[in-house]
Protein backbone atom coordinates (compact mmCIF):
# COMPACT_ATOMS: atom_id res chain seq x y z
CA UNK A 1 0.00 0.00 0.00
CA UNK A 2 2.87 2.39 0.78
CA UNK A 3 4.30 1.78 -2.67
CA UNK A 4 0.95 2.59 -4.27
CA UNK A 5 0.71 5.86 -2.34
CA UNK A 6 4.27 6.74 -3.38
CA UNK A 7 3.42 6.10 -7.05
CA UNK A 8 0.23 8.15 -6.86
CA UNK A 9 2.17 10.95 -5.16
CA UNK A 10 4.36 11.35 -8.23
CA UNK A 11 1.43 11.78 -10.62
CA UNK A 12 -1.03 13.49 -8.29
CA UNK A 13 -2.18 17.03 -9.11
CA UNK A 14 -0.92 19.60 -6.63
CA UNK A 15 -4.48 20.43 -5.55
CA UNK A 16 -4.97 16.89 -4.23
CA UNK A 17 -1.69 16.48 -2.38
CA UNK A 18 -3.55 16.82 0.92
CA UNK A 19 -5.14 13.43 0.17
CA UNK A 20 -1.73 11.82 -0.15
CA UNK A 21 -0.75 13.13 3.27
CA UNK A 22 -4.02 11.89 4.77
CA UNK A 23 -3.45 8.44 3.29
CA UNK A 24 0.11 8.39 4.62
CA UNK A 25 -1.16 9.37 8.05
CA UNK A 26 -3.82 6.67 7.90
CA UNK A 27 -1.27 4.05 6.88
CA UNK A 28 1.04 5.12 9.69
CA UNK A 29 -1.79 4.86 12.23
CA UNK A 30 -2.80 1.40 11.00
CA UNK A 31 0.72 0.05 10.70
CA UNK A 32 1.73 -1.95 13.73
CA UNK A 33 5.41 -1.76 12.84
CA UNK A 34 5.49 2.03 12.61
CA UNK A 35 4.97 3.22 16.18
CA UNK A 36 6.15 6.79 15.67
CA UNK A 37 3.06 8.91 16.26
CA UNK A 38 4.98 12.12 15.53
CA UNK A 39 5.14 11.10 11.87
CA UNK A 40 1.35 10.79 11.83
CA UNK A 41 1.12 14.23 13.44
CA UNK A 42 3.26 15.65 10.69
CA UNK A 43 1.25 14.02 7.87
CA UNK A 44 -2.03 15.25 9.32
CA UNK A 45 -0.65 18.75 9.93
CA UNK A 46 0.61 19.01 6.34
CA UNK A 47 -2.77 17.79 5.05
CA UNK A 48 -4.49 20.39 7.23
CA UNK A 49 -2.26 23.21 5.96
CA UNK A 50 -2.82 22.19 2.33
CA UNK A 51 -6.59 22.13 2.86
CA UNK A 52 -6.47 25.61 4.37
CA UNK A 53 -4.37 26.84 1.45
CA UNK A 54 -6.88 25.37 -1.04
CA UNK A 55 -9.78 26.89 0.89
CA UNK A 56 -8.24 30.35 0.65
CA UNK A 57 -8.03 30.03 -3.14
CA UNK A 58 -11.76 29.41 -3.43
CA UNK A 59 -14.36 32.20 -3.90
CA UNK A 60 -15.64 33.87 -0.73
CA UNK A 61 -19.22 32.87 -1.47
CA UNK A 62 -19.62 29.29 -0.22
CA UNK A 63 -20.90 26.91 -2.89
CA UNK A 64 -20.57 23.31 -4.09
CA UNK A 65 -16.94 24.00 -4.94
CA UNK A 66 -16.20 24.14 -1.21
CA UNK A 67 -17.62 20.67 -0.44
CA UNK A 68 -14.44 18.65 -1.18
CA UNK A 69 -12.36 20.89 1.08
CA UNK A 70 -14.97 20.63 3.84
CA UNK A 71 -14.88 16.85 3.47
CA UNK A 72 -11.10 16.95 3.63
CA UNK A 73 -11.26 19.01 6.83
CA UNK A 74 -13.58 16.38 8.30
CA UNK A 75 -11.08 13.65 7.36
CA UNK A 76 -8.29 15.62 9.06
CA UNK A 77 -10.37 15.87 12.23
CA UNK A 78 -11.11 12.14 12.11
CA UNK A 79 -7.40 11.33 11.75
CA UNK A 80 -6.62 13.56 14.73
CA UNK A 81 -9.30 11.79 16.78
CA UNK A 82 -7.89 8.37 15.85
CA UNK A 83 -4.40 9.57 16.70
CA UNK A 84 -5.55 10.82 20.10
CA UNK A 85 -7.35 7.53 20.78
CA UNK A 86 -4.24 5.57 19.90
CA UNK A 87 -2.12 7.75 22.17
CA UNK A 88 -4.57 7.24 25.04
CA UNK A 89 -4.57 3.49 24.48
CA UNK A 90 -0.77 3.42 24.50
CA UNK A 91 -0.69 5.41 27.75
CA UNK A 92 -3.30 3.10 29.29
CA UNK A 93 -1.40 -0.04 28.28
CA UNK A 94 1.85 1.29 29.72
CA UNK A 95 0.05 2.21 32.93
CA UNK A 96 -1.55 -1.24 33.21
CA UNK A 97 1.77 -2.97 32.58
CA UNK A 98 3.33 -0.85 35.32
CA UNK A 99 0.51 -1.76 37.74
CA UNK A 100 0.91 -5.45 36.90
CA UNK A 101 4.63 -5.17 37.47
CA UNK A 102 4.08 -3.58 40.89
CA UNK A 103 1.51 -6.22 41.87
CA UNK A 104 3.90 -9.04 40.98
CA UNK A 105 6.75 -7.65 43.08
C-alpha atoms as a PDB file:
ATOM      1  CA  UNK A   1       0.000   0.000   0.000  1.00  0.00           C
ATOM      2  CA  UNK A   2       2.865   2.385   0.782  1.00  0.00           C
ATOM      3  CA  UNK A   3       4.301   1.776  -2.672  1.00  0.00           C
ATOM      4  CA  UNK A   4       0.951   2.589  -4.274  1.00  0.00           C
ATOM      5  CA  UNK A   5       0.707   5.864  -2.344  1.00  0.00           C
ATOM      6  CA  UNK A   6       4.267   6.737  -3.381  1.00  0.00           C
ATOM      7  CA  UNK A   7       3.416   6.102  -7.049  1.00  0.00           C
ATOM      8  CA  UNK A   8       0.229   8.154  -6.858  1.00  0.00           C
ATOM      9  CA  UNK A   9       2.170  10.951  -5.162  1.00  0.00           C
ATOM     10  CA  UNK A  10       4.359  11.345  -8.232  1.00  0.00           C
ATOM     11  CA  UNK A  11       1.430  11.781 -10.617  1.00  0.00           C
ATOM     12  CA  UNK A  12      -1.033  13.488  -8.288  1.00  0.00           C
ATOM     13  CA  UNK A  13      -2.178  17.030  -9.110  1.00  0.00           C
ATOM     14  CA  UNK A  14      -0.916  19.599  -6.626  1.00  0.00           C
ATOM     15  CA  UNK A  15      -4.482  20.432  -5.549  1.00  0.00           C
ATOM     16  CA  UNK A  16      -4.969  16.887  -4.228  1.00  0.00           C
ATOM     17  CA  UNK A  17      -1.687  16.481  -2.376  1.00  0.00           C
ATOM     18  CA  UNK A  18      -3.549  16.822   0.915  1.00  0.00           C
ATOM     19  CA  UNK A  19      -5.145  13.435   0.168  1.00  0.00           C
ATOM     20  CA  UNK A  20      -1.732  11.819  -0.147  1.00  0.00           C
ATOM     21  CA  UNK A  21      -0.752  13.127   3.274  1.00  0.00           C
ATOM     22  CA  UNK A  22      -4.018  11.891   4.769  1.00  0.00           C
ATOM     23  CA  UNK A  23      -3.446   8.436   3.286  1.00  0.00           C
ATOM     24  CA  UNK A  24       0.105   8.386   4.620  1.00  0.00           C
ATOM     25  CA  UNK A  25      -1.160   9.370   8.046  1.00  0.00           C
ATOM     26  CA  UNK A  26      -3.818   6.673   7.898  1.00  0.00           C
ATOM     27  CA  UNK A  27      -1.273   4.046   6.878  1.00  0.00           C
ATOM     28  CA  UNK A  28       1.035   5.116   9.691  1.00  0.00           C
ATOM     29  CA  UNK A  29      -1.792   4.863  12.226  1.00  0.00           C
ATOM     30  CA  UNK A  30      -2.802   1.404  11.000  1.00  0.00           C
ATOM     31  CA  UNK A  31       0.724   0.054  10.700  1.00  0.00           C
ATOM     32  CA  UNK A  32       1.726  -1.954  13.731  1.00  0.00           C
ATOM     33  CA  UNK A  33       5.406  -1.762  12.837  1.00  0.00           C
ATOM     34  CA  UNK A  34       5.491   2.030  12.614  1.00  0.00           C
ATOM     35  CA  UNK A  35       4.966   3.218  16.182  1.00  0.00           C
ATOM     36  CA  UNK A  36       6.152   6.785  15.672  1.00  0.00           C
ATOM     37  CA  UNK A  37       3.063   8.912  16.264  1.00  0.00           C
ATOM     38  CA  UNK A  38       4.981  12.118  15.531  1.00  0.00           C
ATOM     39  CA  UNK A  39       5.141  11.097  11.870  1.00  0.00           C
ATOM     40  CA  UNK A  40       1.354  10.792  11.833  1.00  0.00           C
ATOM     41  CA  UNK A  41       1.116  14.233  13.441  1.00  0.00           C
ATOM     42  CA  UNK A  42       3.265  15.650  10.685  1.00  0.00           C
ATOM     43  CA  UNK A  43       1.252  14.023   7.871  1.00  0.00           C
ATOM     44  CA  UNK A  44      -2.026  15.249   9.319  1.00  0.00           C
ATOM     45  CA  UNK A  45      -0.651  18.750   9.928  1.00  0.00           C
ATOM     46  CA  UNK A  46       0.605  19.007   6.337  1.00  0.00           C
ATOM     47  CA  UNK A  47      -2.771  17.794   5.049  1.00  0.00           C
ATOM     48  CA  UNK A  48      -4.488  20.388   7.229  1.00  0.00           C
ATOM     49  CA  UNK A  49      -2.260  23.212   5.963  1.00  0.00           C
ATOM     50  CA  UNK A  50      -2.823  22.186   2.333  1.00  0.00           C
ATOM     51  CA  UNK A  51      -6.593  22.135   2.861  1.00  0.00           C
ATOM     52  CA  UNK A  52      -6.475  25.614   4.367  1.00  0.00           C
ATOM     53  CA  UNK A  53      -4.367  26.836   1.452  1.00  0.00           C
ATOM     54  CA  UNK A  54      -6.877  25.367  -1.044  1.00  0.00           C
ATOM     55  CA  UNK A  55      -9.780  26.892   0.894  1.00  0.00           C
ATOM     56  CA  UNK A  56      -8.236  30.352   0.647  1.00  0.00           C
ATOM     57  CA  UNK A  57      -8.032  30.029  -3.145  1.00  0.00           C
ATOM     58  CA  UNK A  58     -11.764  29.413  -3.433  1.00  0.00           C
ATOM     59  CA  UNK A  59     -14.363  32.197  -3.901  1.00  0.00           C
ATOM     60  CA  UNK A  60     -15.638  33.874  -0.726  1.00  0.00           C
ATOM     61  CA  UNK A  61     -19.218  32.872  -1.466  1.00  0.00           C
ATOM     62  CA  UNK A  62     -19.617  29.287  -0.216  1.00  0.00           C
ATOM     63  CA  UNK A  63     -20.903  26.908  -2.890  1.00  0.00           C
ATOM     64  CA  UNK A  64     -20.571  23.307  -4.086  1.00  0.00           C
ATOM     65  CA  UNK A  65     -16.937  24.003  -4.944  1.00  0.00           C
ATOM     66  CA  UNK A  66     -16.203  24.141  -1.205  1.00  0.00           C
ATOM     67  CA  UNK A  67     -17.616  20.674  -0.444  1.00  0.00           C
ATOM     68  CA  UNK A  68     -14.439  18.650  -1.179  1.00  0.00           C
ATOM     69  CA  UNK A  69     -12.362  20.891   1.077  1.00  0.00           C
ATOM     70  CA  UNK A  70     -14.969  20.629   3.844  1.00  0.00           C
ATOM     71  CA  UNK A  71     -14.880  16.848   3.466  1.00  0.00           C
ATOM     72  CA  UNK A  72     -11.096  16.954   3.632  1.00  0.00           C
ATOM     73  CA  UNK A  73     -11.262  19.005   6.829  1.00  0.00           C
ATOM     74  CA  UNK A  74     -13.579  16.376   8.305  1.00  0.00           C
ATOM     75  CA  UNK A  75     -11.084  13.655   7.358  1.00  0.00           C
ATOM     76  CA  UNK A  76      -8.287  15.625   9.058  1.00  0.00           C
ATOM     77  CA  UNK A  77     -10.367  15.871  12.228  1.00  0.00           C
ATOM     78  CA  UNK A  78     -11.114  12.137  12.113  1.00  0.00           C
ATOM     79  CA  UNK A  79      -7.403  11.330  11.750  1.00  0.00           C
ATOM     80  CA  UNK A  80      -6.621  13.559  14.727  1.00  0.00           C
ATOM     81  CA  UNK A  81      -9.295  11.787  16.784  1.00  0.00           C
ATOM     82  CA  UNK A  82      -7.890   8.371  15.853  1.00  0.00           C
ATOM     83  CA  UNK A  83      -4.398   9.565  16.700  1.00  0.00           C
ATOM     84  CA  UNK A  84      -5.549  10.822  20.103  1.00  0.00           C
ATOM     85  CA  UNK A  85      -7.350   7.528  20.783  1.00  0.00           C
ATOM     86  CA  UNK A  86      -4.241   5.569  19.895  1.00  0.00           C
ATOM     87  CA  UNK A  87      -2.116   7.754  22.175  1.00  0.00           C
ATOM     88  CA  UNK A  88      -4.574   7.244  25.038  1.00  0.00           C
ATOM     89  CA  UNK A  89      -4.573   3.487  24.483  1.00  0.00           C
ATOM     90  CA  UNK A  90      -0.767   3.423  24.501  1.00  0.00           C
ATOM     91  CA  UNK A  91      -0.689   5.406  27.751  1.00  0.00           C
ATOM     92  CA  UNK A  92      -3.298   3.103  29.293  1.00  0.00           C
ATOM     93  CA  UNK A  93      -1.405  -0.039  28.283  1.00  0.00           C
ATOM     94  CA  UNK A  94       1.846   1.293  29.719  1.00  0.00           C
ATOM     95  CA  UNK A  95       0.054   2.215  32.931  1.00  0.00           C
ATOM     96  CA  UNK A  96      -1.548  -1.236  33.207  1.00  0.00           C
ATOM     97  CA  UNK A  97       1.773  -2.967  32.585  1.00  0.00           C
ATOM     98  CA  UNK A  98       3.331  -0.850  35.318  1.00  0.00           C
ATOM     99  CA  UNK A  99       0.513  -1.760  37.736  1.00  0.00           C
ATOM    100  CA  UNK A 100       0.911  -5.450  36.897  1.00  0.00           C
ATOM    101  CA  UNK A 101       4.627  -5.166  37.465  1.00  0.00           C
ATOM    102  CA  UNK A 102       4.082  -3.584  40.886  1.00  0.00           C
ATOM    103  CA  UNK A 103       1.512  -6.224  41.872  1.00  0.00           C
ATOM    104  CA  UNK A 104       3.901  -9.040  40.976  1.00  0.00           C
ATOM    105  CA  UNK A 105       6.751  -7.649  43.083  1.00  0.00           C
END
